[in-house]
Every structure is written in structure tokens, then in C-alpha cells.
């Protein structure tokens, strides 16, 4: 068991390095256009009315979902942003609207301060290092989103939506038992549905 886990971790580390380099190149070439395309696609393909939607403040070449969050907020959705409460814990989500002041958190993240209300999202936008065609996601390796999705799914309905550049797809992702599959991936060019969540596009 230990050797299998170690082998998977090593393979993920290799894939992560390659994928981060690829993402950085794409981000440098078309970040602005991709952010606008992502916002249009999310609005067109995902049912978001009267829902609490968790976004994120982008770091390290992640696709910029801020135009999407602003568009969703203008349509009546409540937007929340993740807060890293502590090492090894689940994320909490605090309410945000365009213009709100934000704080710098752990790992260079940005989020609302402690006075912002804590809310439970029904849709979760996940930043990606890479993804595959069956809904597996590669992140930075700390497991915050995996632990958080487990908790949210145990409490009720949650739609996990990976968002990224189209070039972040890889052929096959090694997955451990604790890795949580996504329901949908929305890129700047496509929407891919998994787990019976919808129809492929």
C-alpha cells in the first residue's frame, strides 16, 4: 500500500510540474481573453440562479474567474470565497460582492475578512493544475479542496465545477481513494460533464 501511494504521489508531482509550466505559458499568452470566454461559458452552460457559488481569487497563473464571479453576482447569485482556516483543515467560505475589501491569507490567497458572513455553497468553482476526461483534478497537493468537497457532499447537494484553460487537460490522472472527482469542467473553450451531472458539450 505504501509503495502504491508513493508511486502515485511521485507521478502526480511530475505531472504537476509539467502542468504548471504549461498553464503558465497559456496564461501569459491569453489570460484576458480566456477570462472573458470562461465567464460567457459559465453563464450559458451552468444553472446558477438563486444559488450560493464559491469562486476564488486567482494566483500563480490560474484562469481568472473574477469576470465570471462579477457576472454571476450581477445575475443575483451570492458569491463566496474560500478561506484557509488552518493547515490540514477544510475550507470555509465567506460572502463577497464586487468592491468588498479583501485580506491576504495563507499561501498567497486573497479572501474576505472575518466580518463577512460564512455561507455554504451549492456550486464550487475549483482552480485546476490539470484535469482528465473522467473528471479527476490535479491541484497543488495539500488536499484542501478534496477534504472540503467530502464535507460538502456529506451535508447535501454540491456541484463541483473545475475551471481552467483548455490546454490543462491531460490524458489520464492517477487518483487516490481520497481524491474527489468533479461533476463538471468548464474551460475557456468547452464544457465537460461527468458523473451523470449533465450532457457533454
C-alpha atoms as a PDB file:
ATOM      1  CA  UNK A   1       0.000   0.000   0.000  1.00  0.00           C
ATOM      2  CA  UNK A   2       2.775   2.412   0.932  1.00  0.00           C
ATOM      3  CA  UNK A   3       4.658   1.769  -2.306  1.00  0.00           C
ATOM      4  CA  UNK A   4       1.482   2.326  -4.355  1.00  0.00           C
ATOM      5  CA  UNK A   5       0.785   5.625  -2.576  1.00  0.00           C
ATOM      6  CA  UNK A   6       4.401   6.691  -3.035  1.00  0.00           C
ATOM      7  CA  UNK A   7       4.357   5.814  -6.734  1.00  0.00           C
ATOM      8  CA  UNK A   8       1.114   7.756  -7.242  1.00  0.00           C
ATOM      9  CA  UNK A   9       2.482  10.747  -5.334  1.00  0.00           C
ATOM     10  CA  UNK A  10       5.658  10.736  -7.417  1.00  0.00           C
ATOM     11  CA  UNK A  11       3.698  10.560 -10.665  1.00  0.00           C
ATOM     12  CA  UNK A  12       1.438  13.398  -9.522  1.00  0.00           C
ATOM     13  CA  UNK A  13       4.479  15.518  -8.673  1.00  0.00           C
ATOM     14  CA  UNK A  14       5.895  15.010 -12.169  1.00  0.00           C
ATOM     15  CA  UNK A  15       2.549  15.784 -13.807  1.00  0.00           C
ATOM     16  CA  UNK A  16       2.138  18.840 -11.564  1.00  0.00           C
ATOM     17  CA  UNK A  17       5.468  20.343 -12.618  1.00  0.00           C
ATOM     18  CA  UNK A  18       4.711  19.796 -16.303  1.00  0.00           C
ATOM     19  CA  UNK A  19       1.147  21.097 -15.999  1.00  0.00           C
ATOM     20  CA  UNK A  20       2.158  24.232 -14.078  1.00  0.00           C
ATOM     21  CA  UNK A  21       4.688  25.105 -16.775  1.00  0.00           C
ATOM     22  CA  UNK A  22       2.081  24.567 -19.486  1.00  0.00           C
ATOM     23  CA  UNK A  23      -0.514  26.631 -17.605  1.00  0.00           C
ATOM     24  CA  UNK A  24       1.967  29.465 -17.116  1.00  0.00           C
ATOM     25  CA  UNK A  25       2.650  29.639 -20.859  1.00  0.00           C
ATOM     26  CA  UNK A  26      -1.044  29.693 -21.746  1.00  0.00           C
ATOM     27  CA  UNK A  27      -1.770  32.278 -19.056  1.00  0.00           C
ATOM     28  CA  UNK A  28       0.917  34.597 -20.384  1.00  0.00           C
ATOM     29  CA  UNK A  29      -0.478  34.369 -23.916  1.00  0.00           C
ATOM     30  CA  UNK A  30      -4.220  34.806 -23.427  1.00  0.00           C
ATOM     31  CA  UNK A  31      -5.256  35.382 -19.805  1.00  0.00           C
ATOM     32  CA  UNK A  32      -7.612  38.290 -20.534  1.00  0.00           C
ATOM     33  CA  UNK A  33      -9.464  36.691 -23.449  1.00  0.00           C
ATOM     34  CA  UNK A  34      -9.764  33.345 -21.649  1.00  0.00           C
ATOM     35  CA  UNK A  35     -11.246  35.003 -18.552  1.00  0.00           C
ATOM     36  CA  UNK A  36     -13.949  36.644 -20.665  1.00  0.00           C
ATOM     37  CA  UNK A  37     -14.668  33.387 -22.522  1.00  0.00           C
ATOM     38  CA  UNK A  38     -14.909  31.479 -19.236  1.00  0.00           C
ATOM     39  CA  UNK A  39     -17.447  33.979 -17.896  1.00  0.00           C
ATOM     40  CA  UNK A  40     -19.618  33.589 -21.003  1.00  0.00           C
ATOM     41  CA  UNK A  41     -19.461  29.802 -20.924  1.00  0.00           C
ATOM     42  CA  UNK A  42     -20.284  29.513 -17.219  1.00  0.00           C
ATOM     43  CA  UNK A  43     -23.280  31.783 -17.639  1.00  0.00           C
ATOM     44  CA  UNK A  44     -24.512  29.843 -20.678  1.00  0.00           C
ATOM     45  CA  UNK A  45     -23.901  26.258 -19.582  1.00  0.00           C
ATOM     46  CA  UNK A  46     -24.366  26.158 -15.780  1.00  0.00           C
ATOM     47  CA  UNK A  47     -27.646  26.747 -13.943  1.00  0.00           C
ATOM     48  CA  UNK A  48     -26.738  29.271 -11.241  1.00  0.00           C
ATOM     49  CA  UNK A  49     -29.923  31.170 -10.404  1.00  0.00           C
ATOM     50  CA  UNK A  50     -30.661  31.716  -6.700  1.00  0.00           C
ATOM     51  CA  UNK A  51     -27.583  29.778  -5.657  1.00  0.00           C
ATOM     52  CA  UNK A  52     -24.532  30.341  -3.490  1.00  0.00           C
ATOM     53  CA  UNK A  53     -21.458  29.995  -5.658  1.00  0.00           C
ATOM     54  CA  UNK A  54     -17.906  29.641  -4.378  1.00  0.00           C
ATOM     55  CA  UNK A  55     -15.293  31.228  -6.611  1.00  0.00           C
ATOM     56  CA  UNK A  56     -11.658  32.023  -5.890  1.00  0.00           C
ATOM     57  CA  UNK A  57      -9.163  34.865  -6.248  1.00  0.00           C
ATOM     58  CA  UNK A  58      -6.612  33.627  -8.838  1.00  0.00           C
ATOM     59  CA  UNK A  59      -2.933  33.030  -8.042  1.00  0.00           C
ATOM     60  CA  UNK A  60       0.035  31.514  -9.904  1.00  0.00           C
ATOM     61  CA  UNK A  61      -1.439  31.609 -13.405  1.00  0.00           C
ATOM     62  CA  UNK A  62      -4.861  30.165 -12.542  1.00  0.00           C
ATOM     63  CA  UNK A  63      -7.547  31.159 -15.005  1.00  0.00           C
ATOM     64  CA  UNK A  64      -9.160  34.376 -13.803  1.00  0.00           C
ATOM     65  CA  UNK A  65     -12.729  33.681 -12.699  1.00  0.00           C
ATOM     66  CA  UNK A  66     -13.314  37.222 -11.371  1.00  0.00           C
ATOM     67  CA  UNK A  67     -15.195  38.354 -14.508  1.00  0.00           C
ATOM     68  CA  UNK A  68     -17.375  35.249 -14.119  1.00  0.00           C
ATOM     69  CA  UNK A  69     -17.998  35.982 -10.425  1.00  0.00           C
ATOM     70  CA  UNK A  70     -18.970  39.575 -11.221  1.00  0.00           C
ATOM     71  CA  UNK A  71     -21.311  38.423 -13.987  1.00  0.00           C
ATOM     72  CA  UNK A  72     -22.910  35.801 -11.733  1.00  0.00           C
ATOM     73  CA  UNK A  73     -23.273  38.304  -8.901  1.00  0.00           C
ATOM     74  CA  UNK A  74     -24.999  40.781 -11.225  1.00  0.00           C
ATOM     75  CA  UNK A  75     -27.451  37.996 -12.086  1.00  0.00           C
ATOM     76  CA  UNK A  76     -28.440  37.518  -8.452  1.00  0.00           C
ATOM     77  CA  UNK A  77     -26.094  34.780  -7.266  1.00  0.00           C
ATOM     78  CA  UNK A  78     -24.427  35.059  -3.855  1.00  0.00           C
ATOM     79  CA  UNK A  79     -20.668  34.713  -4.314  1.00  0.00           C
ATOM     80  CA  UNK A  80     -18.416  33.353  -1.586  1.00  0.00           C
ATOM     81  CA  UNK A  81     -14.633  32.988  -1.498  1.00  0.00           C
ATOM     82  CA  UNK A  82     -12.624  30.240   0.241  1.00  0.00           C
ATOM     83  CA  UNK A  83     -10.625  30.873   3.391  1.00  0.00           C
ATOM     84  CA  UNK A  84      -7.861  28.520   4.534  1.00  0.00           C
ATOM     85  CA  UNK A  85      -8.643  28.185   8.240  1.00  0.00           C
ATOM     86  CA  UNK A  86      -5.506  26.208   9.085  1.00  0.00           C
ATOM     87  CA  UNK A  87      -3.118  23.502   7.949  1.00  0.00           C
ATOM     88  CA  UNK A  88      -4.954  20.263   7.183  1.00  0.00           C
ATOM     89  CA  UNK A  89      -8.438  21.720   7.744  1.00  0.00           C
ATOM     90  CA  UNK A  90     -11.368  22.177   5.380  1.00  0.00           C
ATOM     91  CA  UNK A  91     -12.015  25.481   3.656  1.00  0.00           C
ATOM     92  CA  UNK A  92     -14.661  27.853   4.916  1.00  0.00           C
ATOM     93  CA  UNK A  93     -16.478  30.255   2.605  1.00  0.00           C
ATOM     94  CA  UNK A  94     -17.182  33.919   3.277  1.00  0.00           C
ATOM     95  CA  UNK A  95     -19.602  36.163   1.398  1.00  0.00           C
ATOM     96  CA  UNK A  96     -18.169  38.526  -1.207  1.00  0.00           C
ATOM     97  CA  UNK A  97     -19.522  41.075  -3.658  1.00  0.00           C
ATOM     98  CA  UNK A  98     -17.654  43.270  -6.149  1.00  0.00           C
ATOM     99  CA  UNK A  99     -15.960  46.153  -4.359  1.00  0.00           C
ATOM    100  CA  UNK A 100     -15.565  44.404  -0.996  1.00  0.00           C
ATOM    101  CA  UNK A 101     -12.245  44.743   0.806  1.00  0.00           C
ATOM    102  CA  UNK A 102     -10.180  41.569   0.928  1.00  0.00           C
ATOM    103  CA  UNK A 103      -7.360  40.211   3.059  1.00  0.00           C
ATOM    104  CA  UNK A 104      -4.246  38.235   2.228  1.00  0.00           C
ATOM    105  CA  UNK A 105      -4.333  34.691   3.580  1.00  0.00           C
ATOM    106  CA  UNK A 106      -2.118  31.636   3.717  1.00  0.00           C
ATOM    107  CA  UNK A 107      -0.225  30.578   0.572  1.00  0.00           C
ATOM    108  CA  UNK A 108      -0.769  33.980  -1.069  1.00  0.00           C
ATOM    109  CA  UNK A 109      -4.548  33.607  -1.269  1.00  0.00           C
ATOM    110  CA  UNK A 110      -6.985  36.526  -1.028  1.00  0.00           C
ATOM    111  CA  UNK A 111     -10.307  36.357   0.773  1.00  0.00           C
ATOM    112  CA  UNK A 112     -12.953  38.337   2.735  1.00  0.00           C
ATOM    113  CA  UNK A 113     -12.206  39.241   6.339  1.00  0.00           C
ATOM    114  CA  UNK A 114     -13.763  37.713   9.470  1.00  0.00           C
ATOM    115  CA  UNK A 115     -16.719  40.126   9.451  1.00  0.00           C
ATOM    116  CA  UNK A 116     -18.019  38.611   6.201  1.00  0.00           C
ATOM    117  CA  UNK A 117     -20.757  36.025   6.683  1.00  0.00           C
ATOM    118  CA  UNK A 118     -19.887  32.328   6.404  1.00  0.00           C
ATOM    119  CA  UNK A 119     -22.102  30.616   3.838  1.00  0.00           C
ATOM    120  CA  UNK A 120     -22.334  27.080   2.420  1.00  0.00           C
ATOM    121  CA  UNK A 121     -22.076  26.999  -1.391  1.00  0.00           C
ATOM    122  CA  UNK A 122     -24.189  24.879  -3.707  1.00  0.00           C
ATOM    123  CA  UNK A 123     -21.746  25.289  -6.590  1.00  0.00           C
ATOM    124  CA  UNK A 124     -17.993  25.233  -6.170  1.00  0.00           C
ATOM    125  CA  UNK A 125     -15.602  26.657  -8.795  1.00  0.00           C
ATOM    126  CA  UNK A 126     -12.297  24.800  -8.475  1.00  0.00           C
ATOM    127  CA  UNK A 127      -8.981  26.105  -9.814  1.00  0.00           C
ATOM    128  CA  UNK A 128      -7.023  23.452 -11.704  1.00  0.00           C
ATOM    129  CA  UNK A 129      -3.446  22.441 -12.250  1.00  0.00           C
ATOM    130  CA  UNK A 130      -4.725  19.744 -14.637  1.00  0.00           C
ATOM    131  CA  UNK A 131      -7.793  17.582 -15.335  1.00  0.00           C
ATOM    132  CA  UNK A 132      -8.660  14.474 -17.313  1.00  0.00           C
ATOM    133  CA  UNK A 133     -11.672  13.250 -19.313  1.00  0.00           C
ATOM    134  CA  UNK A 134     -13.231  11.324 -16.412  1.00  0.00           C
ATOM    135  CA  UNK A 135     -13.335  14.266 -14.003  1.00  0.00           C
ATOM    136  CA  UNK A 136     -10.168  13.814 -11.969  1.00  0.00           C
ATOM    137  CA  UNK A 137      -8.473  17.027 -10.849  1.00  0.00           C
ATOM    138  CA  UNK A 138      -4.846  17.732 -10.060  1.00  0.00           C
ATOM    139  CA  UNK A 139      -4.300  20.533  -7.538  1.00  0.00           C
ATOM    140  CA  UNK A 140      -1.296  21.747  -5.594  1.00  0.00           C
ATOM    141  CA  UNK A 141      -1.194  18.649  -3.391  1.00  0.00           C
ATOM    142  CA  UNK A 142      -2.339  19.971   0.004  1.00  0.00           C
ATOM    143  CA  UNK A 143      -5.799  18.388  -0.264  1.00  0.00           C
ATOM    144  CA  UNK A 144      -7.859  21.374   0.901  1.00  0.00           C
ATOM    145  CA  UNK A 145     -10.466  21.096  -1.836  1.00  0.00           C
ATOM    146  CA  UNK A 146     -10.707  17.304  -1.596  1.00  0.00           C
ATOM    147  CA  UNK A 147     -11.403  17.465   2.155  1.00  0.00           C
ATOM    148  CA  UNK A 148     -13.844  20.318   1.642  1.00  0.00           C
ATOM    149  CA  UNK A 149     -15.785  18.518  -1.104  1.00  0.00           C
ATOM    150  CA  UNK A 150     -16.090  15.411   1.083  1.00  0.00           C
ATOM    151  CA  UNK A 151     -17.638  17.530   3.835  1.00  0.00           C
ATOM    152  CA  UNK A 152     -19.963  19.413   1.486  1.00  0.00           C
ATOM    153  CA  UNK A 153     -21.159  16.227  -0.216  1.00  0.00           C
ATOM    154  CA  UNK A 154     -21.876  14.669   3.165  1.00  0.00           C
ATOM    155  CA  UNK A 155     -24.072  17.645   4.076  1.00  0.00           C
ATOM    156  CA  UNK A 156     -26.118  17.733   0.880  1.00  0.00           C
ATOM    157  CA  UNK A 157     -26.072  18.586  -2.800  1.00  0.00           C
ATOM    158  CA  UNK A 158     -22.938  20.245  -4.175  1.00  0.00           C
ATOM    159  CA  UNK A 159     -21.802  20.647  -7.774  1.00  0.00           C
ATOM    160  CA  UNK A 160     -18.008  20.667  -8.110  1.00  0.00           C
ATOM    161  CA  UNK A 161     -17.020  22.633 -11.218  1.00  0.00           C
ATOM    162  CA  UNK A 162     -13.390  22.664 -12.298  1.00  0.00           C
ATOM    163  CA  UNK A 163     -12.420  25.757 -14.276  1.00  0.00           C
ATOM    164  CA  UNK A 164      -9.270  26.222 -16.292  1.00  0.00           C
ATOM    165  CA  UNK A 165      -7.633  26.657 -19.652  1.00  0.00           C
ATOM    166  CA  UNK A 166      -8.474  24.071 -22.282  1.00  0.00           C
ATOM    167  CA  UNK A 167      -4.790  23.092 -22.553  1.00  0.00           C
ATOM    168  CA  UNK A 168      -4.802  21.879 -18.933  1.00  0.00           C
ATOM    169  CA  UNK A 169      -6.381  18.570 -19.952  1.00  0.00           C
ATOM    170  CA  UNK A 170      -4.112  15.528 -19.670  1.00  0.00           C
ATOM    171  CA  UNK A 171      -4.795  12.002 -20.896  1.00  0.00           C
ATOM    172  CA  UNK A 172      -5.191  10.266 -17.542  1.00  0.00           C
ATOM    173  CA  UNK A 173      -4.799  11.348 -13.942  1.00  0.00           C
ATOM    174  CA  UNK A 174      -3.555   8.986 -11.230  1.00  0.00           C
ATOM    175  CA  UNK A 175      -6.164   9.013  -8.469  1.00  0.00           C
ATOM    176  CA  UNK A 176      -6.052   8.007  -4.803  1.00  0.00           C
ATOM    177  CA  UNK A 177      -9.048   6.950  -2.718  1.00  0.00           C
ATOM    178  CA  UNK A 178      -9.295  10.421  -1.136  1.00  0.00           C
ATOM    179  CA  UNK A 179      -9.317  12.275  -4.472  1.00  0.00           C
ATOM    180  CA  UNK A 180     -12.734  13.763  -5.207  1.00  0.00           C
ATOM    181  CA  UNK A 181     -13.960  13.691  -8.798  1.00  0.00           C
ATOM    182  CA  UNK A 182     -15.519  16.797 -10.302  1.00  0.00           C
ATOM    183  CA  UNK A 183     -19.032  16.946 -11.698  1.00  0.00           C
ATOM    184  CA  UNK A 184     -18.169  19.377 -14.499  1.00  0.00           C
ATOM    185  CA  UNK A 185     -15.148  21.025 -16.076  1.00  0.00           C
ATOM    186  CA  UNK A 186     -15.628  24.378 -17.778  1.00  0.00           C
ATOM    187  CA  UNK A 187     -12.710  25.728 -19.795  1.00  0.00           C
ATOM    188  CA  UNK A 188     -12.471  28.810 -21.963  1.00  0.00           C
ATOM    189  CA  UNK A 189     -13.458  26.568 -24.905  1.00  0.00           C
ATOM    190  CA  UNK A 190     -15.558  23.600 -23.678  1.00  0.00           C
ATOM    191  CA  UNK A 191     -17.889  22.254 -21.003  1.00  0.00           C
ATOM    192  CA  UNK A 192     -17.396  18.615 -19.985  1.00  0.00           C
ATOM    193  CA  UNK A 193     -19.943  16.818 -17.775  1.00  0.00           C
ATOM    194  CA  UNK A 194     -19.163  13.817 -15.581  1.00  0.00           C
ATOM    195  CA  UNK A 195     -20.994  11.526 -13.116  1.00  0.00           C
ATOM    196  CA  UNK A 196     -24.314  11.953 -14.866  1.00  0.00           C
ATOM    197  CA  UNK A 197     -24.399  15.640 -13.924  1.00  0.00           C
ATOM    198  CA  UNK A 198     -25.410  16.728 -17.413  1.00  0.00           C
ATOM    199  CA  UNK A 199     -24.782  16.156 -21.080  1.00  0.00           C
ATOM    200  CA  UNK A 200     -21.395  16.583 -22.736  1.00  0.00           C
ATOM    201  CA  UNK A 201     -20.826  19.626 -24.895  1.00  0.00           C
END
